[in-house]
Protein backbone atom coordinates (compact mmCIF):
# COMPACT_ATOMS: atom_id res chain seq x y z
CA MET A 1 17.20 24.95 80.21
CA SER A 2 20.02 27.51 80.19
CA LEU A 3 23.25 27.00 82.15
CA LYS A 4 26.17 29.38 82.49
CA LEU A 5 29.28 27.35 83.25
CA GLY A 6 32.42 29.47 83.27
CA SER A 7 32.68 31.24 79.94
CA ILE A 8 30.27 28.91 78.14
CA ALA A 9 26.52 29.38 77.88
CA THR A 10 24.90 25.96 77.50
CA ILE A 11 21.33 25.42 76.32
CA VAL A 12 19.80 21.99 76.94
CA ILE A 13 16.96 20.92 74.63
CA SER A 14 14.72 18.24 76.16
CA SER A 15 11.56 18.08 74.04
CA SER A 16 10.91 16.79 70.53
CA GLU A 17 9.20 20.05 69.50
CA THR A 18 12.21 22.18 70.45
CA ALA A 19 14.64 19.65 68.97
CA LYS A 20 12.82 20.03 65.67
CA GLU A 21 13.20 23.83 65.88
CA VAL A 22 16.94 23.44 66.43
CA LEU A 23 17.82 20.52 64.15
CA HIS A 24 15.34 21.11 61.33
CA ARG A 25 13.93 24.60 61.04
CA ASN A 26 17.18 26.27 62.19
CA ASP A 27 19.53 23.52 61.08
CA GLN A 28 22.08 25.80 59.41
CA ALA A 29 22.36 28.17 62.39
CA PHE A 30 23.23 25.23 64.67
CA SER A 31 25.38 23.23 62.24
CA SER A 32 28.74 23.96 63.92
CA ARG A 33 30.21 22.23 66.94
CA THR A 34 31.35 23.29 70.36
CA VAL A 35 34.75 21.60 70.48
CA PRO A 36 35.76 20.07 73.83
CA ASP A 37 39.43 20.50 74.69
CA ALA A 38 39.89 16.71 74.73
CA VAL A 39 39.34 16.60 70.93
CA ARG A 40 42.21 19.05 70.42
CA ALA A 41 44.66 16.21 71.04
CA HIS A 42 46.69 15.79 67.84
CA ASN A 43 44.54 18.65 66.43
CA HIS A 44 41.85 16.06 65.75
CA HIS A 45 39.18 18.79 65.76
CA GLU A 46 40.67 20.23 62.55
CA SER A 47 40.19 17.00 60.54
CA SER A 48 37.34 15.10 62.22
CA VAL A 49 34.05 14.68 60.37
CA ALA A 50 32.30 14.83 63.75
CA TRP A 51 33.92 18.05 65.01
CA VAL A 52 34.94 20.32 62.10
CA PRO A 53 32.55 23.18 61.24
CA ALA A 54 30.02 22.65 58.47
CA SER A 55 32.52 23.84 55.86
CA ALA A 56 33.75 22.78 52.43
CA HIS A 57 36.25 20.46 54.15
CA TRP A 58 33.47 18.85 56.18
CA ARG A 59 31.33 18.37 53.05
CA LYS A 60 34.29 16.72 51.31
CA ILE A 61 34.77 14.22 54.16
CA ARG A 62 31.03 13.46 54.28
CA LYS A 63 31.01 12.91 50.52
CA ILE A 64 33.96 10.51 50.75
CA CYS A 65 32.26 8.55 53.57
CA SER A 66 29.00 8.31 51.67
CA ARG A 67 30.58 7.36 48.36
CA GLU A 68 33.00 4.77 49.71
CA MET A 69 31.05 3.23 52.63
CA PHE A 70 27.55 4.39 53.47
CA SER A 71 25.65 4.79 50.19
CA VAL A 72 22.84 2.31 49.49
CA GLN A 73 24.86 0.93 46.57
CA GLN A 74 27.95 0.29 48.71
CA LEU A 75 25.92 -1.23 51.54
CA ASP A 76 24.05 -3.52 49.17
CA ALA A 77 27.32 -4.56 47.53
CA SER A 78 28.80 -5.50 50.93
CA GLN A 79 25.89 -7.67 52.13
CA GLY A 80 27.95 -10.82 51.58
CA LEU A 81 30.70 -9.44 53.82
CA GLY A 82 28.17 -8.63 56.53
CA ARG A 83 26.81 -12.20 56.44
CA LYS A 84 30.36 -13.62 56.64
CA ILE A 85 31.23 -11.51 59.69
CA VAL A 86 27.94 -12.33 61.46
CA GLN A 87 28.51 -16.03 60.72
CA GLU A 88 31.82 -15.77 62.59
CA LEU A 89 29.85 -14.37 65.53
CA LEU A 90 27.44 -17.31 65.37
CA ASP A 91 30.36 -19.78 65.17
CA HIS A 92 31.70 -18.25 68.39
CA VAL A 93 28.26 -18.54 70.02
CA GLU A 94 27.98 -22.17 68.87
CA GLU A 95 31.39 -22.94 70.36
CA CYS A 96 30.32 -21.42 73.69
CA CYS A 97 27.08 -23.39 73.50
CA GLY A 98 29.04 -26.63 73.01
CA TRP A 99 31.09 -25.87 76.12
CA GLY A 100 28.02 -24.77 78.07
CA CYS A 101 29.65 -21.45 78.88
CA ALA A 102 28.26 -17.90 78.76
CA VAL A 103 28.84 -15.34 75.99
CA ASP A 104 29.94 -11.79 76.73
CA ILE A 105 27.26 -10.25 74.51
CA GLY A 106 28.73 -6.75 74.39
CA GLY A 107 32.27 -8.02 73.84
CA ALA A 108 31.20 -10.42 71.07
CA ALA A 109 29.13 -7.69 69.37
CA PHE A 110 32.11 -5.33 69.63
CA THR A 111 34.41 -7.85 67.92
CA THR A 112 31.80 -8.31 65.19
CA SER A 113 31.45 -4.56 64.64
CA LEU A 114 35.23 -4.10 64.68
CA ASN A 115 35.78 -6.85 62.11
CA LEU A 116 33.03 -5.59 59.85
CA LEU A 117 34.68 -2.16 59.75
CA SER A 118 38.20 -3.53 59.39
CA ASN A 119 37.15 -5.83 56.54
CA THR A 120 35.29 -3.02 54.79
CA ILE A 121 38.21 -0.62 55.13
CA PHE A 122 41.33 -2.87 55.24
CA SER A 123 40.09 -6.28 53.95
CA ILE A 124 41.31 -7.97 57.15
CA ASN A 125 39.96 -9.14 60.51
CA LEU A 126 41.48 -6.96 63.21
CA ALA A 127 40.33 -9.17 66.07
CA HIS A 128 39.33 -12.72 66.99
CA TYR A 129 36.81 -13.80 69.58
CA ASP A 130 39.40 -15.76 71.58
CA SER A 131 42.09 -13.02 71.59
CA ASN A 132 42.78 -10.08 73.88
CA PHE A 133 43.08 -7.53 71.08
CA SER A 134 39.34 -6.87 70.82
CA GLN A 135 39.10 -6.09 74.55
CA GLU A 136 42.18 -3.87 74.33
CA PHE A 137 40.67 -2.00 71.39
CA LYS A 138 37.37 -1.70 73.25
CA ASN A 139 39.17 -0.23 76.26
CA ILE A 140 40.82 2.37 74.01
CA VAL A 141 37.47 3.30 72.43
CA TRP A 142 35.79 3.60 75.82
CA GLY A 143 38.71 5.69 77.05
CA VAL A 144 38.03 8.12 74.20
CA MET A 145 34.29 8.20 74.88
CA GLU A 146 34.79 8.64 78.62
CA GLY A 147 37.27 11.46 78.06
CA LEU A 148 34.82 13.26 75.79
CA GLY A 149 31.99 12.92 78.30
CA ARG A 150 33.96 13.84 81.40
CA PRO A 151 33.46 17.41 82.69
CA ASN A 152 36.65 19.31 81.86
CA PHE A 153 37.60 22.49 83.75
CA VAL A 154 39.40 23.79 80.62
CA ASP A 155 36.19 23.77 78.56
CA TYR A 156 34.65 26.33 80.91
CA PHE A 157 37.82 28.35 81.60
CA PRO A 158 39.86 28.26 78.34
CA ALA A 159 42.64 30.38 79.89
CA PHE A 160 43.85 27.16 81.55
CA ARG A 161 44.12 25.25 78.24
CA LEU A 162 47.94 25.23 78.22
CA ILE A 163 48.02 23.69 81.69
CA ASP A 164 45.43 20.91 81.02
CA PRO A 165 44.94 20.65 84.82
CA GLN A 166 42.94 17.37 84.77
CA GLY A 167 45.17 15.75 82.16
CA ILE A 168 42.18 14.91 79.97
CA ARG A 169 43.77 16.11 76.71
CA TRP A 170 47.01 14.32 77.65
CA ASN A 171 45.13 11.04 78.23
CA MET A 172 43.25 11.50 74.98
CA LYS A 173 46.55 11.92 73.15
CA ILE A 174 47.68 8.56 74.53
CA TYR A 175 44.52 6.85 73.25
CA PHE A 176 44.85 8.55 69.85
CA ASP A 177 48.53 7.48 69.67
CA LYS A 178 47.52 3.85 70.21
CA LEU A 179 44.95 3.99 67.42
CA PHE A 180 47.28 5.85 65.05
CA TYR A 181 49.96 3.20 65.71
CA ILE A 182 47.56 0.50 64.49
CA PHE A 183 46.48 2.52 61.46
CA ASP A 184 50.06 3.53 60.56
CA GLY A 185 51.13 -0.11 60.48
CA ILE A 186 48.32 -1.09 58.10
CA ILE A 187 48.73 1.99 55.86
CA ASN A 188 52.52 1.59 55.62
CA GLN A 189 52.19 -2.08 54.78
CA ARG A 190 49.77 -1.22 51.98
CA LEU A 191 52.04 1.54 50.63
CA GLN A 192 55.13 -0.67 50.74
CA SER A 193 53.38 -3.49 48.90
CA LYS A 194 52.63 -1.00 46.09
CA THR A 195 49.60 -3.07 45.19
CA SER A 196 45.93 -2.62 45.91
CA SER A 197 43.97 -5.12 47.93
CA ALA A 198 42.24 -7.80 45.90
CA SER A 199 38.84 -6.36 46.78
CA LYS A 200 39.69 -2.67 46.12
CA ASP A 201 38.69 -1.68 49.63
CA VAL A 202 38.09 1.70 51.27
CA LEU A 203 41.77 2.16 52.16
CA ASP A 204 42.67 1.84 48.47
CA ALA A 205 40.14 4.53 47.62
CA LEU A 206 41.44 6.86 50.36
CA LEU A 207 45.08 6.37 49.32
CA ASN A 208 44.17 7.03 45.69
CA LEU A 209 42.74 10.38 46.78
CA THR A 210 46.11 11.36 48.26
CA LYS A 211 47.78 10.56 44.93
CA GLU A 212 45.26 12.68 43.03
CA ASN A 213 45.68 15.77 45.22
CA ASP A 214 47.98 15.58 48.21
CA ASN A 215 47.27 19.22 49.09
CA GLU A 216 43.61 18.50 49.79
CA TRP A 217 43.77 14.97 51.17
CA SER A 218 46.73 13.45 53.01
CA CYS A 219 47.63 10.33 54.97
CA SER A 220 47.07 12.39 58.12
CA ASP A 221 43.48 13.07 56.99
CA ILE A 222 43.03 9.33 56.43
CA LYS A 223 44.15 8.50 59.98
CA HIS A 224 41.82 11.08 61.54
CA LEU A 225 38.90 9.73 59.47
CA LEU A 226 39.74 6.16 60.51
CA LEU A 227 39.79 7.28 64.14
CA ASP A 228 36.27 8.69 63.78
CA LEU A 229 34.98 5.60 62.00
CA PHE A 230 36.40 3.03 64.42
CA VAL A 231 35.58 4.92 67.60
CA ALA A 232 32.00 5.78 66.62
CA GLY A 233 31.28 2.65 64.57
CA THR A 234 32.20 -0.01 67.12
CA ASP A 235 31.09 1.30 70.51
CA THR A 236 27.58 2.44 69.62
CA THR A 237 26.57 -0.59 67.55
CA SER A 238 27.78 -3.18 70.05
CA SER A 239 26.30 -1.28 72.99
CA THR A 240 22.87 -1.20 71.31
CA VAL A 241 22.93 -4.95 70.66
CA GLU A 242 23.95 -5.56 74.29
CA TRP A 243 21.14 -3.36 75.66
CA ALA A 244 18.59 -5.03 73.35
CA MET A 245 19.61 -8.49 74.57
CA ALA A 246 19.56 -7.30 78.20
CA GLU A 247 16.02 -5.96 77.82
CA LEU A 248 14.86 -9.16 76.12
CA LEU A 249 16.41 -11.37 78.81
CA CYS A 250 14.49 -9.28 81.37
CA ASN A 251 11.32 -9.78 79.30
CA PRO A 252 11.38 -13.47 78.21
CA GLU A 253 7.89 -13.29 76.69
CA LYS A 254 9.06 -10.54 74.32
CA MET A 255 12.15 -12.55 73.40
CA ALA A 256 9.94 -15.55 72.63
CA LYS A 257 7.67 -13.36 70.49
CA ALA A 258 10.66 -12.07 68.51
CA GLN A 259 12.06 -15.58 68.00
CA LYS A 260 8.69 -16.86 66.84
CA GLU A 261 8.48 -14.03 64.30
CA ILE A 262 12.00 -14.71 62.97
CA ARG A 263 11.47 -18.48 62.68
CA GLY A 264 8.12 -17.88 61.04
CA VAL A 265 9.89 -15.99 58.26
CA LEU A 266 13.02 -18.15 57.96
CA GLY A 267 11.77 -21.59 58.96
CA ASN A 268 14.05 -23.94 60.89
CA GLU A 269 16.97 -24.07 58.46
CA GLY A 270 18.21 -20.77 57.21
CA ILE A 271 20.50 -17.78 57.60
CA VAL A 272 19.22 -14.31 58.42
CA GLN A 273 19.67 -12.06 55.39
CA GLU A 274 19.45 -8.27 55.32
CA SER A 275 16.45 -8.63 52.99
CA ASP A 276 14.61 -10.53 55.77
CA ILE A 277 14.67 -7.58 58.18
CA SER A 278 11.85 -5.75 56.39
CA LYS A 279 9.63 -8.80 57.09
CA LEU A 280 10.29 -8.62 60.85
CA PRO A 281 8.25 -5.69 62.21
CA TYR A 282 8.49 -6.85 65.83
CA LEU A 283 12.28 -7.12 65.65
CA GLN A 284 12.39 -3.60 64.19
CA SER A 285 10.19 -2.43 67.07
CA ILE A 286 12.61 -3.98 69.58
CA VAL A 287 15.50 -2.03 68.06
CA LYS A 288 13.52 1.23 68.12
CA GLU A 289 12.50 0.66 71.74
CA THR A 290 16.14 -0.03 72.64
CA PHE A 291 17.22 3.21 70.97
CA ARG A 292 14.44 5.05 72.83
CA LEU A 293 15.48 3.80 76.27
CA HIS A 294 19.22 3.61 75.63
CA PRO A 295 20.30 6.16 73.00
CA PRO A 296 23.99 5.56 72.20
CA ALA A 297 24.86 9.25 72.68
CA PRO A 298 22.39 10.55 75.31
CA LEU A 299 23.19 14.23 74.65
CA LEU A 300 24.19 13.70 71.00
CA VAL A 301 27.29 15.62 69.89
CA PRO A 302 27.17 19.27 71.05
CA HIS A 303 26.00 21.90 68.58
CA LYS A 304 27.00 25.56 68.51
CA ALA A 305 24.88 28.60 67.67
CA GLU A 306 26.47 30.50 64.76
CA THR A 307 24.29 33.58 65.37
CA ASN A 308 21.67 34.79 67.83
CA VAL A 309 18.66 32.55 67.18
CA GLU A 310 15.13 32.81 68.55
CA ILE A 311 13.68 29.44 69.53
CA CYS A 312 10.19 29.15 71.01
CA GLY A 313 10.25 32.77 72.18
CA PHE A 314 13.73 32.55 73.74
CA THR A 315 16.94 33.93 72.27
CA ILE A 316 19.86 31.53 72.12
CA PRO A 317 22.99 33.74 72.08
CA LYS A 318 25.69 33.39 69.45
CA ASN A 319 28.43 30.85 70.38
CA SER A 320 26.18 29.04 72.89
CA GLN A 321 26.69 25.32 73.29
CA VAL A 322 23.46 23.46 72.51
CA LEU A 323 22.93 19.95 73.91
CA VAL A 324 20.00 17.90 72.62
CA ASN A 325 18.94 15.53 75.40
CA ALA A 326 17.92 12.49 73.33
CA TRP A 327 17.69 10.44 76.55
CA ALA A 328 15.03 12.77 78.03
CA ILE A 329 13.16 13.06 74.72
CA GLY A 330 12.94 9.27 74.55
CA ARG A 331 11.42 9.15 78.04
CA ASP A 332 9.06 12.14 77.75
CA PRO A 333 5.72 11.02 79.29
CA SER A 334 3.80 13.46 77.07
CA THR A 335 5.01 11.44 74.06
CA TRP A 336 5.49 7.95 75.45
CA PRO A 337 2.92 6.28 77.75
CA ASN A 338 4.63 4.37 80.56
CA PRO A 339 8.00 5.73 79.33
CA SER A 340 10.29 3.66 81.61
CA ALA A 341 8.84 0.32 80.47
CA PHE A 342 10.35 -1.77 77.67
CA MET A 343 7.35 -2.05 75.31
CA PRO A 344 8.33 -2.74 71.67
CA GLU A 345 4.61 -3.10 70.87
CA ARG A 346 4.24 0.71 71.01
CA PHE A 347 6.10 0.92 67.67
CA LEU A 348 3.79 -1.56 65.96
CA GLU A 349 1.10 1.09 66.23
CA CYS A 350 3.05 4.08 64.88
CA ASP A 351 5.41 4.97 62.04
CA ILE A 352 8.09 6.73 64.10
CA ASP A 353 11.58 5.85 62.86
CA VAL A 354 15.16 6.60 63.97
CA LYS A 355 16.43 8.16 60.73
CA GLY A 356 16.15 11.82 61.71
CA ARG A 357 12.68 12.64 60.43
CA ASP A 358 10.78 11.94 63.66
CA PHE A 359 12.11 14.11 66.47
CA GLU A 360 10.52 11.97 69.19
CA LEU A 361 13.30 9.43 68.48
CA ILE A 362 16.68 10.80 67.31
CA PRO A 363 19.46 8.47 68.54
CA PHE A 364 21.58 9.39 65.48
CA GLY A 365 20.76 13.09 65.60
CA ALA A 366 19.02 14.88 62.73
CA GLY A 367 19.63 17.51 60.09
CA ARG A 368 22.89 18.04 58.25
CA ARG A 369 24.99 16.81 61.21
CA ILE A 370 23.17 13.50 61.50
CA CYS A 371 25.56 10.57 62.07
CA PRO A 372 26.99 9.67 58.62
CA GLY A 373 27.39 6.01 59.64
CA MET A 374 23.71 5.57 60.52
CA PRO A 375 22.83 3.44 57.43
CA LEU A 376 25.52 0.87 58.25
CA ALA A 377 24.87 0.87 62.01
CA HIS A 378 21.12 0.47 61.44
CA ARG A 379 21.64 -2.57 59.23
CA MET A 380 24.21 -4.22 61.47
CA VAL A 381 22.22 -3.87 64.71
CA HIS A 382 19.21 -5.58 63.11
CA LEU A 383 21.30 -8.30 61.45
CA MET A 384 23.30 -9.14 64.60
CA LEU A 385 20.28 -9.14 66.90
CA ALA A 386 18.12 -11.21 64.54
CA SER A 387 20.93 -13.74 64.05
CA LEU A 388 21.53 -14.13 67.80
CA LEU A 389 17.82 -14.64 68.46
CA TYR A 390 17.35 -17.05 65.54
CA SER A 391 20.34 -19.28 66.21
CA HIS A 392 19.84 -20.00 69.93
CA ALA A 393 17.63 -19.61 72.95
CA TRP A 394 19.24 -17.61 75.75
CA LYS A 395 19.28 -17.50 79.53
CA LEU A 396 21.17 -15.50 82.14
CA GLU A 397 24.22 -17.24 83.61
CA ASP A 398 24.39 -18.80 87.08
CA GLY A 399 20.62 -18.99 87.40
CA MET A 400 20.36 -15.21 87.77
CA LYS A 401 16.82 -13.87 87.76
CA PRO A 402 15.99 -10.98 85.41
CA GLU A 403 14.99 -8.72 88.30
CA ASN A 404 18.49 -9.12 89.77
CA MET A 405 20.33 -8.04 86.63
CA ASP A 406 22.54 -4.95 87.09
CA ARG A 407 21.13 -2.49 84.55
CA SER A 408 23.11 0.54 85.67
CA GLU A 409 24.82 2.73 83.08
CA LYS A 410 28.27 4.24 82.74
CA PHE A 411 28.42 7.60 81.10
CA GLY A 412 30.83 9.11 78.59
CA LEU A 413 29.98 10.79 75.30
CA THR A 414 28.12 7.51 74.83
CA LEU A 415 26.13 5.45 77.31
CA GLN A 416 27.17 1.88 78.06
CA LYS A 417 25.95 -0.90 80.30
CA ALA A 418 28.08 -0.62 83.45
CA GLN A 419 28.32 -4.39 83.98
CA PRO A 420 28.88 -6.65 80.94
CA LEU A 421 25.96 -8.87 79.97
CA TRP A 422 26.81 -12.57 80.09
CA ALA A 423 24.24 -14.97 78.69
CA ILE A 424 24.23 -18.71 78.04
CA PRO A 425 23.20 -19.86 74.52
CA ILE A 426 20.98 -22.92 74.30
CA LYS A 427 20.67 -24.96 71.11
CA VAL A 428 17.15 -24.94 69.65
């Protein structure tokens, strides 16, 4: 589908075959980004791993992310940290269970994701389950996502950029300021202490890079990278866990099947380990089905055509914005029988995965601009969901029936459940 909105030509890709043409066979030609005006707040588009062109600077940031956080070696080395953070989640659930009160699934998953990132990067917990900080941080993150997804007059008529008539860039600056204030405090404290953290965390590694070559890597670059990591790494992971639990609560027989599988592997006394996930094919199928129905970024991050490119007999003009509709691809009836139904069993019969090789299911994108945090997000979603299902049985609060659950969505750059999911844990 081709749309002409103001000065921007937008091409929307809604089939797996065409997505493969764009993100695989013509990956290089579509490797740049169309930058929304909102991202120009604090010139974030010049330093962001998500928004800079596929340049030497972008490759440097990707390399730093991979080396310090997302490589298999780093992820394996941090398994103990992941278990510790998930155990804190389970302690919170157990406390709620003891009081007989409901758990805000999305909020609890957000706190878990936030603390995993903050411990990996700063060696501290940024939030606690009984504090307001996690919700405040979540509101900031959603403000960023909503601002990026909101139609902006300036994006289609750049002549009005100086005016910012809807105030979207101004609001984004406020959200960025709040995040930078948090990061500045932590960075300054580390610099003033003149000592590394005991665990030699990611912040140490990033600060060491500024000492090696301040011209190529500065404290400003660190803050912009942290903004990307915390905005993208908390919202999407927690939202996926919340949607998975919502779908399972609406399909109790599938929840029971998943719990039976997990307890069959772990027995009655155990802790879910990352190494257990490979033995849980039904749980993996639940996660894939959740990504299919509820992709975290329904239109991915916009691509930009570097040259005129012919795709499937059509010419996509240079500088066109290209949106890949992962939401529509995941619900394409020519690929998925009964596409609106939550049926994890469909993935027990096929080898389709979410890692960018199978274009029928690309929640993280594909090609060279695939989400760099995918390896960590993939592990954490499985570990959190498996732990929640293993530790307790669950029911909707106030006797609500599954058919009455509000499953509407709110839309930004990412897609969230409009109404928070509250569920009551029951000791098994």
